[in-house]
Protein backbone atom coordinates (compact mmCIF):
# COMPACT_ATOMS: atom_id res chain seq x y z
CA MET A 1 169.08 148.40 280.49
CA GLN A 2 171.52 151.21 279.96
CA PRO A 3 170.54 154.81 280.92
CA VAL A 4 170.68 157.51 278.18
CA LEU A 5 171.34 160.97 279.66
CA ASN A 6 170.95 164.45 278.11
CA VAL A 7 174.33 166.22 277.99
CA GLU A 8 173.27 168.59 280.77
CA ASP A 9 172.41 165.70 283.04
CA VAL A 10 175.83 164.05 282.42
CA ARG A 11 177.32 167.33 283.69
CA HIS A 12 175.10 167.03 286.79
CA VAL A 13 176.41 163.45 287.33
CA GLU A 14 179.94 164.74 287.13
CA GLN A 15 179.07 167.34 289.83
CA GLU A 16 177.47 164.70 291.98
CA LEU A 17 180.50 162.44 291.73
CA THR A 18 182.65 165.17 293.17
CA LYS A 19 180.42 165.21 296.25
CA VAL A 20 181.10 161.52 296.87
CA GLY A 21 184.92 161.85 296.59
CA VAL A 22 185.64 161.57 292.81
CA SER A 23 187.12 164.94 291.75
CA LEU A 24 186.86 166.35 288.40
CA SER A 25 190.58 165.99 287.98
CA GLU A 26 190.33 162.36 288.82
CA LEU A 27 187.50 161.94 286.35
CA MET A 28 189.69 163.30 283.64
CA ARG A 29 192.51 160.96 284.47
CA ARG A 30 190.07 157.98 284.41
CA ALA A 31 188.61 159.10 281.12
CA GLY A 32 191.92 159.42 279.46
CA ALA A 33 192.88 155.99 280.83
CA ALA A 34 189.68 154.55 279.35
CA ALA A 35 190.48 156.10 275.99
CA ALA A 36 193.99 154.70 276.10
CA GLN A 37 192.67 151.14 277.06
CA GLU A 38 190.42 151.16 274.15
CA VAL A 39 193.29 151.83 271.85
CA MET A 40 195.50 149.28 273.57
CA SER A 41 192.77 146.71 272.99
CA LEU A 42 192.99 147.09 269.10
CA PRO A 43 195.33 144.59 267.38
CA ASP A 44 198.55 145.63 265.59
CA VAL A 45 199.01 149.04 267.07
CA SER A 46 202.33 150.57 267.64
CA SER A 47 201.91 154.22 266.55
CA VAL A 48 199.19 156.59 267.77
CA VAL A 49 198.39 160.07 266.76
CA ILE A 50 196.36 162.05 269.26
CA PHE A 51 194.45 165.22 268.33
CA VAL A 52 193.51 167.42 271.28
CA GLY A 53 191.42 170.54 271.49
CA PHE A 54 191.40 173.44 273.83
CA GLY A 55 189.10 172.05 276.53
CA ASN A 56 188.51 169.10 278.87
CA ASN A 57 188.01 166.70 275.96
CA GLY A 58 191.47 167.50 274.98
CA GLY A 59 192.55 166.99 278.47
CA ASP A 60 191.33 163.35 278.18
CA GLY A 61 193.53 163.10 275.16
CA TRP A 62 196.59 164.41 276.99
CA VAL A 63 196.19 161.81 279.73
CA ALA A 64 195.73 159.08 277.19
CA ALA A 65 198.98 160.18 275.45
CA GLU A 66 201.10 159.89 278.55
CA ARG A 67 199.41 156.55 279.45
CA LEU A 68 200.13 155.09 275.96
CA GLN A 69 203.65 156.21 276.01
CA GLU A 70 204.20 154.65 279.41
CA ARG A 71 202.93 151.35 277.79
CA GLY A 72 205.48 151.52 275.03
CA TYR A 73 203.46 152.95 272.22
CA HIS A 74 204.86 155.65 269.85
CA VAL A 75 202.72 158.65 270.40
CA THR A 76 202.48 162.05 268.88
CA VAL A 77 200.02 164.73 270.15
CA ILE A 78 198.67 167.32 267.78
CA SER A 79 197.68 170.44 269.66
CA PRO A 80 196.41 173.90 268.44
CA ILE A 81 198.43 175.56 271.22
CA GLU A 82 201.42 175.01 273.43
CA PRO A 83 200.59 172.98 276.57
CA SER A 84 201.49 176.01 278.67
CA GLN A 85 198.75 178.09 276.88
CA VAL A 86 195.91 175.64 277.66
CA LYS A 87 193.40 177.70 279.58
CA SER A 88 191.18 175.13 281.16
CA ASP A 89 192.72 174.42 284.63
CA LEU A 90 192.18 170.72 284.45
CA ALA A 91 193.40 170.40 280.94
CA HIS A 92 196.43 172.67 281.57
CA VAL A 93 197.67 170.43 284.38
CA VAL A 94 197.67 167.21 282.25
CA ALA A 95 198.97 168.95 279.06
CA VAL A 96 202.03 170.26 281.04
CA SER A 97 202.45 166.86 282.65
CA THR A 98 202.34 165.21 279.19
CA GLU A 99 204.99 167.61 277.92
CA ARG A 100 207.25 166.94 280.93
CA ALA A 101 206.93 163.20 280.10
CA ASN A 102 208.69 163.96 276.79
CA VAL A 103 205.67 162.90 274.67
CA PRO A 104 206.32 164.31 271.15
CA ILE A 105 203.91 167.30 270.54
CA LEU A 106 203.31 169.14 267.26
CA VAL A 107 201.61 172.52 267.66
CA ALA A 108 199.43 173.66 264.71
CA PRO A 109 201.40 171.83 262.11
CA PRO A 110 200.67 172.43 258.40
CA ARG A 111 198.39 170.01 256.54
CA GLU A 112 201.24 168.50 254.74
CA ARG A 113 202.93 167.55 257.88
CA LEU A 114 199.83 165.99 259.29
CA GLU A 115 199.29 163.85 256.18
CA GLU A 116 202.85 162.68 256.38
CA LEU A 117 202.40 161.70 260.15
CA LEU A 118 199.10 159.90 259.47
CA VAL A 119 200.60 157.73 256.75
CA GLU A 120 202.99 156.25 259.46
CA ALA A 121 200.36 155.90 262.13
CA ASP A 122 198.04 152.89 263.12
CA VAL A 123 195.34 154.60 265.02
CA VAL A 124 194.03 158.13 265.57
CA LEU A 125 192.66 159.18 268.89
CA ASP A 126 190.07 162.08 268.52
CA ALA A 127 189.96 164.27 271.54
CA ILE A 128 189.32 167.61 269.72
CA LEU A 129 185.67 168.65 270.54
CA GLY A 130 183.60 167.33 273.36
CA THR A 131 179.93 166.94 274.27
CA GLY A 132 179.59 170.76 274.78
CA PHE A 133 180.26 171.36 271.07
CA HIS A 134 177.61 172.82 268.74
CA GLY A 135 177.82 174.58 265.51
CA THR A 136 180.65 174.08 262.95
CA PRO A 137 184.28 173.24 263.68
CA GLU A 138 186.61 176.10 262.99
CA ALA A 139 190.27 176.29 261.86
CA PRO A 140 192.42 174.35 262.53
CA PHE A 141 190.00 171.72 263.53
CA ASP A 142 188.14 171.45 260.29
CA VAL A 143 191.46 170.78 258.58
CA TRP A 144 192.27 168.21 261.17
CA ILE A 145 189.06 166.41 260.78
CA SER A 146 189.39 166.29 256.95
CA CYS A 147 192.82 164.74 257.33
CA ILE A 148 191.60 162.20 259.84
CA ASN A 149 188.74 161.11 257.55
CA GLU A 150 190.86 160.97 254.44
CA ALA A 151 193.50 158.73 256.13
CA ASP A 152 193.07 155.03 256.01
CA LEU A 153 193.27 154.54 259.88
CA ARG A 154 191.24 153.22 262.62
CA VAL A 155 189.77 156.12 264.64
CA VAL A 156 188.82 156.04 268.24
CA ALA A 157 186.81 159.12 269.48
CA VAL A 158 186.76 160.27 273.01
CA ASP A 159 183.22 160.87 274.31
CA VAL A 160 181.89 161.91 270.89
CA PRO A 161 183.23 162.24 267.41
CA SER A 162 184.27 165.82 266.93
CA GLY A 163 181.72 167.68 264.93
CA LEU A 164 178.83 165.60 266.08
CA SER A 165 176.19 166.99 268.53
CA ALA A 166 176.05 164.52 271.48
CA GLN A 167 172.55 165.86 272.14
CA THR A 168 170.80 166.01 268.79
CA GLY A 169 172.89 163.54 266.70
CA HIS A 170 173.16 166.26 264.15
CA ALA A 171 176.64 166.33 262.27
CA SER A 172 178.43 169.35 260.96
CA ALA A 173 179.97 169.28 257.52
CA SER A 174 183.30 168.53 259.17
CA THR A 175 182.69 165.62 261.58
CA VAL A 176 185.11 162.75 262.52
CA ILE A 177 183.98 159.33 261.30
CA ALA A 178 185.00 156.99 264.14
CA ASP A 179 185.37 153.28 264.34
CA VAL A 180 184.93 153.35 268.10
CA THR A 181 183.59 155.90 270.43
CA VAL A 182 184.41 155.73 274.11
CA THR A 183 181.71 157.83 275.72
CA MET A 184 182.12 158.82 279.47
CA LEU A 185 179.77 158.04 282.31
CA ALA A 186 176.67 157.31 280.15
CA LEU A 187 175.17 157.09 276.69
CA LYS A 188 174.02 160.43 275.11
CA PRO A 189 170.96 160.55 272.77
CA GLY A 190 172.99 161.96 269.92
CA LEU A 191 175.21 159.07 269.73
CA LEU A 192 172.33 156.63 269.11
CA ALA A 193 170.27 158.50 266.36
CA ASP A 194 170.49 160.21 263.00
CA GLU A 195 174.02 160.93 261.84
CA GLY A 196 175.35 159.70 265.15
CA ARG A 197 174.84 156.14 263.95
CA ASP A 198 177.14 156.72 261.03
CA MET A 199 179.75 158.70 262.85
CA CYS A 200 180.15 156.86 266.18
CA GLY A 201 181.05 153.30 265.04
CA ASP A 202 180.97 150.86 268.07
CA LEU A 203 179.88 152.45 271.31
CA VAL A 204 181.74 151.69 274.49
CA VAL A 205 180.51 153.31 277.81
CA ALA A 206 183.23 154.07 280.44
CA PRO A 207 181.38 154.59 283.70
CA LEU A 208 184.57 156.01 285.44
CA ALA A 209 183.28 155.34 289.04
CA GLU A 210 181.39 152.70 290.79
CA GLN A 211 178.79 155.37 291.90
CA THR A 212 177.95 156.35 288.28
CA GLU A 213 175.17 153.89 287.62
CA GLN A 214 173.19 154.99 290.70
CA LEU A 215 173.80 158.65 289.99
CA ALA A 216 172.74 158.23 286.38
CA ILE A 217 169.42 156.72 287.46
CA GLU A 218 168.83 159.55 289.96
CA ALA A 219 169.39 162.02 287.13
CA ASP A 220 166.24 160.68 285.54
CA PRO A 221 167.44 159.31 282.13
CA VAL A 222 165.82 160.75 279.06
CA ALA A 223 165.52 157.12 277.84
CA TRP A 224 166.92 153.58 278.45
CA ARG A 225 168.66 151.47 275.84
CA ASN A 226 167.39 147.78 276.08
CA ASP A 227 169.58 144.69 276.35
CA VAL A 228 168.08 141.57 274.81
CA GLU A 229 167.73 139.78 278.07
CA ASP A 230 165.32 142.51 279.37
CA TYR A 231 162.65 141.01 277.05
CA LEU A 232 162.45 137.81 279.04
CA ASP A 233 159.82 139.73 281.33
CA VAL A 234 157.30 140.15 278.34
CA MET A 235 158.10 136.96 276.19
CA VAL A 236 155.37 134.47 276.07
CA PRO A 237 156.82 131.06 277.36
CA PRO A 238 156.87 128.45 274.45
CA SER A 239 154.24 125.70 274.82
CA ALA A 240 153.09 122.87 272.69
CA ALA A 241 149.63 123.08 274.24
CA VAL A 242 148.39 125.80 271.95
CA ASP A 243 146.00 126.06 268.99
CA LYS A 244 145.33 128.82 266.50
CA TYR A 245 143.00 130.53 268.92
CA THR A 246 145.10 130.47 272.06
CA ARG A 247 147.93 132.11 270.08
CA GLY A 248 145.81 135.14 269.61
CA SER A 249 143.74 136.56 266.91
CA VAL A 250 144.58 139.84 264.99
CA LEU A 251 142.27 141.90 262.91
CA VAL A 252 143.97 144.20 260.35
CA VAL A 253 141.68 147.18 259.20
CA GLY A 254 142.89 149.15 256.20
CA GLY A 255 143.34 149.51 252.52
CA SER A 256 141.59 151.43 249.74
CA THR A 257 141.38 151.14 246.04
CA ARG A 258 144.43 153.34 245.83
CA TYR A 259 146.59 151.48 248.46
CA ILE A 260 146.10 147.72 248.36
CA GLY A 261 149.46 146.51 249.55
CA ALA A 262 149.83 148.26 252.90
CA PRO A 263 147.18 146.13 254.81
CA VAL A 264 148.52 143.04 253.07
CA LEU A 265 152.04 143.71 254.58
CA ALA A 266 150.56 144.24 257.91
CA ALA A 267 148.59 141.02 257.87
CA ARG A 268 151.35 138.89 256.56
CA ALA A 269 153.70 140.36 259.29
CA ALA A 270 151.12 139.55 261.96
CA ALA A 271 150.87 135.93 260.78
CA ARG A 272 154.61 135.59 260.59
CA ALA A 273 154.91 137.13 264.09
CA GLY A 274 153.00 134.14 265.56
CA ALA A 275 149.27 135.22 265.65
CA GLY A 276 147.23 132.10 265.33
CA TYR A 277 144.51 133.62 263.38
CA VAL A 278 144.62 136.89 261.25
CA THR A 279 141.62 138.51 259.58
CA LEU A 280 141.99 141.32 257.01
CA ALA A 281 139.15 143.75 256.70
CA VAL A 282 139.24 145.98 253.53
CA PRO A 283 136.76 147.91 251.36
CA GLN A 284 134.65 145.60 249.34
CA PRO A 285 136.03 146.39 245.80
CA ILE A 286 139.50 145.13 246.62
CA VAL A 287 138.58 141.89 248.35
CA GLN A 288 139.48 139.63 245.42
CA VAL A 289 142.83 141.08 244.53
CA VAL A 290 143.91 141.21 248.25
CA GLN A 291 142.79 137.62 248.76
CA GLY A 292 145.07 136.66 246.02
CA HIS A 293 148.08 137.89 248.00
CA VAL A 294 147.31 136.26 251.29
CA ALA A 295 145.93 132.69 250.73
CA GLU A 296 146.18 131.82 254.40
CA ILE A 297 144.35 134.96 255.65
CA PRO A 298 140.55 135.38 255.32
CA VAL A 299 139.77 138.75 253.67
CA VAL A 300 136.44 140.39 254.57
CA GLY A 301 134.87 143.19 252.53
CA PHE A 302 133.08 146.13 254.14
CA PRO A 303 131.02 149.05 252.62
CA TYR A 304 133.04 151.60 250.78
CA ASP A 305 132.68 155.10 249.39
CA PRO A 306 132.90 155.03 245.67
CA SER A 307 134.10 158.66 245.59
CA THR A 308 137.18 157.92 247.69
CA GLY A 309 137.73 154.16 247.37
CA SER A 310 137.96 153.80 251.07
CA PHE A 311 135.67 152.55 253.95
CA ALA A 312 132.29 154.13 254.19
CA ALA A 313 130.88 155.52 257.31
CA ASP A 314 128.45 152.54 257.24
CA ALA A 315 131.34 150.26 257.89
CA ARG A 316 131.94 151.58 261.42
CA GLU A 317 129.56 149.34 263.36
CA ALA A 318 130.34 146.02 261.57
CA LEU A 319 134.13 146.74 261.95
CA ALA A 320 133.75 147.53 265.65
CA GLU A 321 131.71 144.24 266.08
CA LEU A 322 134.48 142.21 264.38
CA ALA A 323 137.11 143.99 266.37
CA GLU A 324 135.49 143.04 269.76
CA LYS A 325 136.00 139.33 268.76
CA SER A 326 139.71 139.77 268.23
CA SER A 327 142.79 139.61 270.59
CA ALA A 328 144.23 142.72 269.01
CA VAL A 329 143.42 145.16 266.19
CA VAL A 330 145.77 146.96 263.80
CA ALA A 331 144.28 149.89 261.91
CA GLY A 332 145.46 152.34 259.45
CA PRO A 333 147.66 150.98 256.68
CA GLY A 334 146.50 152.34 253.32
CA MET A 335 143.19 153.50 254.69
CA LEU A 336 143.13 157.19 253.46
CA VAL A 337 141.94 160.17 255.57
CA ASN A 338 138.37 161.45 255.10
CA ALA A 339 135.17 161.87 257.19
CA SER A 340 134.28 158.11 256.78
CA THR A 341 137.59 156.74 257.87
CA MET A 342 137.76 159.11 260.88
CA SER A 343 134.45 157.63 261.91
CA VAL A 344 135.81 154.13 261.61
CA ILE A 345 138.83 155.04 263.77
CA THR A 346 136.75 156.67 266.51
CA GLY A 347 134.59 153.53 266.44
CA LEU A 348 137.66 151.38 266.98
CA LEU A 349 138.94 153.49 269.75
CA GLN A 350 135.72 152.75 271.71
CA CYS A 351 136.23 149.00 271.40
CA ASP A 352 137.45 147.16 274.45
CA VAL A 353 140.50 145.44 272.70
CA PRO A 354 144.20 146.09 272.37
CA LEU A 355 144.68 148.53 269.51
CA VAL A 356 147.57 149.59 267.15
CA LEU A 357 147.14 152.76 265.08
CA ASP A 358 149.39 153.31 262.28
CA ALA A 359 149.79 155.40 259.20
CA ASP A 360 146.40 156.99 258.11
CA ALA A 361 144.73 156.16 261.41
CA LEU A 362 147.15 158.53 262.98
CA ASN A 363 146.38 161.13 260.39
CA CYS A 364 142.79 160.68 260.97
CA ILE A 365 143.44 161.39 264.76
CA ALA A 366 145.43 164.49 263.76
CA ARG A 367 142.58 165.67 261.70
CA LEU A 368 140.02 164.91 264.46
CA THR A 369 142.03 166.86 267.05
CA SER A 370 143.12 169.68 264.70
CA GLY A 371 146.73 168.50 265.29
CA ARG A 372 146.62 168.73 269.00
CA LEU A 373 146.14 165.17 270.35
CA ASP A 374 147.70 166.28 273.61
CA GLY A 375 144.71 168.54 274.07
CA PHE A 376 142.12 165.80 273.70
CA PRO A 377 143.30 163.01 276.03
CA GLU A 378 139.83 161.61 276.44
CA LEU A 379 139.92 160.47 272.87
CA ILE A 380 142.59 157.80 273.60
CA ARG A 381 141.83 157.13 277.21
CA ARG A 382 140.84 153.53 277.49
CA THR A 383 141.51 150.23 279.52
CA ASN A 384 143.15 148.03 277.04
CA PRO A 385 146.53 148.92 275.43
CA LEU A 386 146.74 151.55 272.69
CA VAL A 387 149.90 151.74 270.57
CA LEU A 388 150.54 154.64 268.29
CA THR A 389 153.31 154.14 265.75
CA PRO A 390 154.01 157.54 264.06
CA HIS A 391 157.15 158.41 262.08
CA ARG A 392 158.38 161.91 262.77
CA GLY A 393 156.18 163.57 260.21
CA GLU A 394 153.07 161.93 261.65
CA LEU A 395 154.17 162.70 265.18
CA GLY A 396 154.59 166.35 264.22
CA ARG A 397 151.01 166.30 262.87
CA LEU A 398 149.69 164.88 266.07
CA VAL A 399 151.15 167.60 268.35
CA GLY A 400 150.91 170.78 266.27
CA MET A 401 154.32 170.51 264.70
CA ALA A 402 153.35 169.78 261.16
CA ASP A 403 155.49 172.50 259.70
CA ASN A 404 158.33 171.73 262.06
CA PRO A 405 158.36 168.08 262.93
CA PRO A 406 160.84 166.62 265.31
CA ASP A 407 164.31 166.54 263.78
CA SER A 408 166.07 164.52 266.55
CA LEU A 409 165.63 161.73 269.00
CA THR A 410 165.30 164.19 271.86
CA ARG A 411 162.59 166.30 270.15
CA ALA A 412 160.74 163.08 269.20
CA LEU A 413 160.82 161.96 272.87
CA GLU A 414 159.51 165.52 273.97
CA ALA A 415 156.56 165.39 271.47
CA SER A 416 155.75 161.69 272.38
CA ARG A 417 155.65 162.52 276.00
CA ARG A 418 153.19 165.32 275.46
CA ILE A 419 150.71 162.69 274.17
CA VAL A 420 151.23 160.12 276.94
CA TRP A 421 151.57 162.59 279.80
CA ALA A 422 148.39 164.26 278.69
CA GLU A 423 146.54 161.03 278.72
CA GLY A 424 148.32 160.01 281.94
CA GLY A 425 147.65 156.22 281.85
CA SER A 426 149.88 153.28 281.41
CA GLU A 427 147.73 151.84 278.67
CA VAL A 428 149.09 154.23 276.03
CA CYS A 429 152.51 153.85 274.29
CA VAL A 430 153.90 156.11 271.50
CA VAL A 431 156.34 154.18 269.26
CA ALA A 432 158.21 157.16 267.76
CA LYS A 433 159.79 155.67 264.53
CA GLY A 434 163.09 156.95 263.28
CA THR A 435 166.74 156.28 262.92
CA ALA A 436 166.40 155.44 266.63
CA THR A 437 162.97 154.43 267.54
CA ALA A 438 161.63 155.31 271.02
CA CYS A 439 158.85 153.40 272.83
CA VAL A 440 157.47 156.03 275.12
CA GLY A 441 155.14 155.27 278.08
CA VAL A 442 153.98 157.51 280.95
CA ASP A 443 156.84 156.38 283.14
CA ILE A 444 159.64 155.35 280.79
CA ALA A 445 161.01 155.59 277.31
CA LEU A 446 162.88 152.68 275.80
CA LEU A 447 165.25 152.48 272.89
CA PRO A 448 165.29 149.16 271.17
CA LYS A 449 168.25 148.14 269.16
CA PRO A 450 167.92 149.85 265.77
CA GLY A 451 167.47 147.87 262.62
CA PRO A 452 169.71 148.40 259.48
CA ALA A 453 169.14 151.19 256.86
CA ALA A 454 167.40 148.44 254.80
CA LEU A 455 164.20 149.43 256.84
CA ALA A 456 164.13 152.66 254.97
CA THR A 457 161.81 151.32 252.41
CA ALA A 458 158.07 151.72 251.56
CA GLY A 459 155.83 149.37 253.64
CA SER A 460 158.33 148.83 256.33
CA GLY A 461 156.18 150.65 258.89
CA ASP A 462 153.14 148.41 257.81
CA VAL A 463 155.21 145.31 258.62
CA LEU A 464 156.03 146.80 262.07
CA SER A 465 152.33 147.44 262.78
CA GLY A 466 151.60 143.83 261.96
CA ILE A 467 154.29 142.62 264.29
CA MET A 468 153.01 144.90 266.98
CA GLY A 469 149.55 143.63 266.64
CA ALA A 470 150.59 140.01 266.90
CA THR A 471 152.76 140.75 269.91
CA LEU A 472 149.95 142.32 271.75
CA ALA A 473 147.57 139.55 270.76
CA ARG A 474 149.91 136.81 271.94
CA SER A 475 150.55 138.54 275.28
CA ALA A 476 146.88 139.58 275.92
CA GLY A 477 146.09 139.05 279.59
CA MET A 478 149.66 138.02 280.49
CA VAL A 479 151.52 141.38 280.30
CA GLU A 480 150.63 144.26 282.54
CA ASN A 481 149.95 147.66 280.89
CA GLU A 482 153.04 148.97 282.88
CA ASN A 483 155.22 146.73 280.67
CA LEU A 484 153.66 148.01 277.37
CA PRO A 485 156.73 150.04 276.38
CA LEU A 486 158.82 146.94 276.79
CA LEU A 487 156.41 144.81 274.79
CA CYS A 488 156.48 147.37 272.05
CA SER A 489 160.26 147.50 272.18
CA LEU A 490 160.30 143.80 271.63
CA ALA A 491 158.26 144.10 268.50
CA CYS A 492 160.63 146.82 267.21
CA GLU A 493 163.66 144.60 267.80
CA ILE A 494 161.87 141.64 266.02
CA HIS A 495 161.34 144.16 263.04
CA GLY A 496 165.02 145.15 263.14
CA TYR A 497 166.24 141.49 263.28
CA ALA A 498 164.08 140.49 260.42
CA ALA A 499 165.51 143.29 258.27
CA THR A 500 169.02 142.13 259.11
CA ILE A 501 168.17 138.56 258.02
CA ALA A 502 166.54 139.96 254.78
CA THR A 503 169.78 141.74 253.92
CA ARG A 504 171.69 138.56 253.77
CA ASP A 505 169.47 137.36 250.90
CA PHE A 506 168.76 140.64 249.06
CA GLY A 507 171.63 142.97 250.04
CA THR A 508 171.57 146.31 251.98
CA ARG A 509 169.83 148.17 249.26
CA GLY A 510 167.59 145.43 247.76
CA VAL A 511 165.29 144.61 250.64
CA MET A 512 161.68 145.26 250.23
CA ALA A 513 159.08 145.32 252.92
CA GLY A 514 157.71 141.84 252.06
CA ASP A 515 161.13 140.39 252.52
CA VAL A 516 161.24 141.70 256.11
CA ALA A 517 157.73 140.29 256.69
CA ASP A 518 158.90 136.87 255.63
CA ALA A 519 161.75 136.93 257.89
CA VAL A 520 159.88 137.80 261.01
CA GLY A 521 159.53 134.27 262.39
CA LEU A 522 163.32 133.61 262.15
CA ALA A 523 163.99 136.92 263.95
CA MET A 524 161.65 135.85 266.76
CA ASP A 525 163.57 132.71 267.27
CA MET A 526 166.88 134.46 267.29
CA ILE A 527 165.81 136.99 269.90
CA GLU A 528 164.26 134.32 272.11
CA GLU A 529 167.52 132.26 271.79
CA GLN A 530 169.76 135.20 272.58
CA ALA A 531 167.60 136.38 275.55
CA SER A 532 167.61 132.95 277.18
CA MET A 533 171.36 132.49 276.90
């Protein structure tokens, strides 16, 4: 796993490194060397244009310029001011050193000159704005960024693409689009989510010192990014000595006369994810049409309310009785939100069985708690695992942020922690879905590898809930609650891999949720193979 640190915590790590003998000056030299090394690793590069700003990020660029020239590259530095005018003490020293090394420097050149220079270059190194940036780049940096993005060149960003917030992942109107981002010391949340996924390109972490890893852990990472081998701890070992019952049974509870497809997608995904037996519980009027879509899955009808087309309150006891016979339950897809469905959800919460609540089940909880689930921890306190899978809008409704839902990974992490910390037990995990999904437990938050943009399609969340249910069912009794965030993260990665497989057949914009569900089995095989290598 790789630690992900808030920007302020990265600064703390820098300060701690100085206490163990690695000065800030030495860190700048190592950062510049790391950036230069990344440029040198690219094929067919002889000419490099380096854009530097006023501060220490620019200092990294000055160091990289001198290092690259020493290695025989043709280097030109674009600076807003003369090296002697750089005010940052650390950056001033390296800027003057670069000038003395006779590296060509252009100070505030006109746009026409920049465009001419970029035509002749092979690579751009962006060292304009660092992790402390927020707001909108001003002149001349906005012009520089425009020139960089319009040039047909490979771009390497130092620490963070200029114009992007390394904390929130929000990009200004003028933001460098990098092919590679060499980020120093540790990953930052803004590089992994939202616009950061488009702007950063490939991410390379330069630790800069052997003490960095330990200091990053001591800084209490805001999250951890998973490596595929981490899942070996929660993967069910393959065995031929199984039957459809020992592979786990999943009950999917959902649907209404208005939304028929959502529970179908969840049930199909659960079956594709390896559950040996899947049952689909829906309101009585839609049984026949649902059964026509899932020949292999028994569909059971329950009392419904004709005025809403959803489950009636009378269904509560019978659904709870069926749930108790299952290895795991998924509830919520297409269910609608009303007094009857709220009663059904509270009944399922009282069942002694692993439970995944998605979609309208989450909206039922939000309604039951007046949008303050963190104020009602007793509602979700239980012995068996409980997984909540909200997207940002649903998460906002759960914690009193309906009008201002989380707009970044860090805010989603904060909102999720309000829920799990209020409850306080290891049996609850919030899977905060988004451009970067976070699996948040009471002790740790994990960031599975995100799937492609093809997942941004109706029904994708229903598929994930089905995968999640099957993952819980197959591991029931074999995985401790403390590993629940890792288990949920595995389900998310299966979801992402399945979407990647589906894009090969249907293209990046043509994937539908059913295509993702059908690729789940192949995705599981791929992850298991990679993890074991």
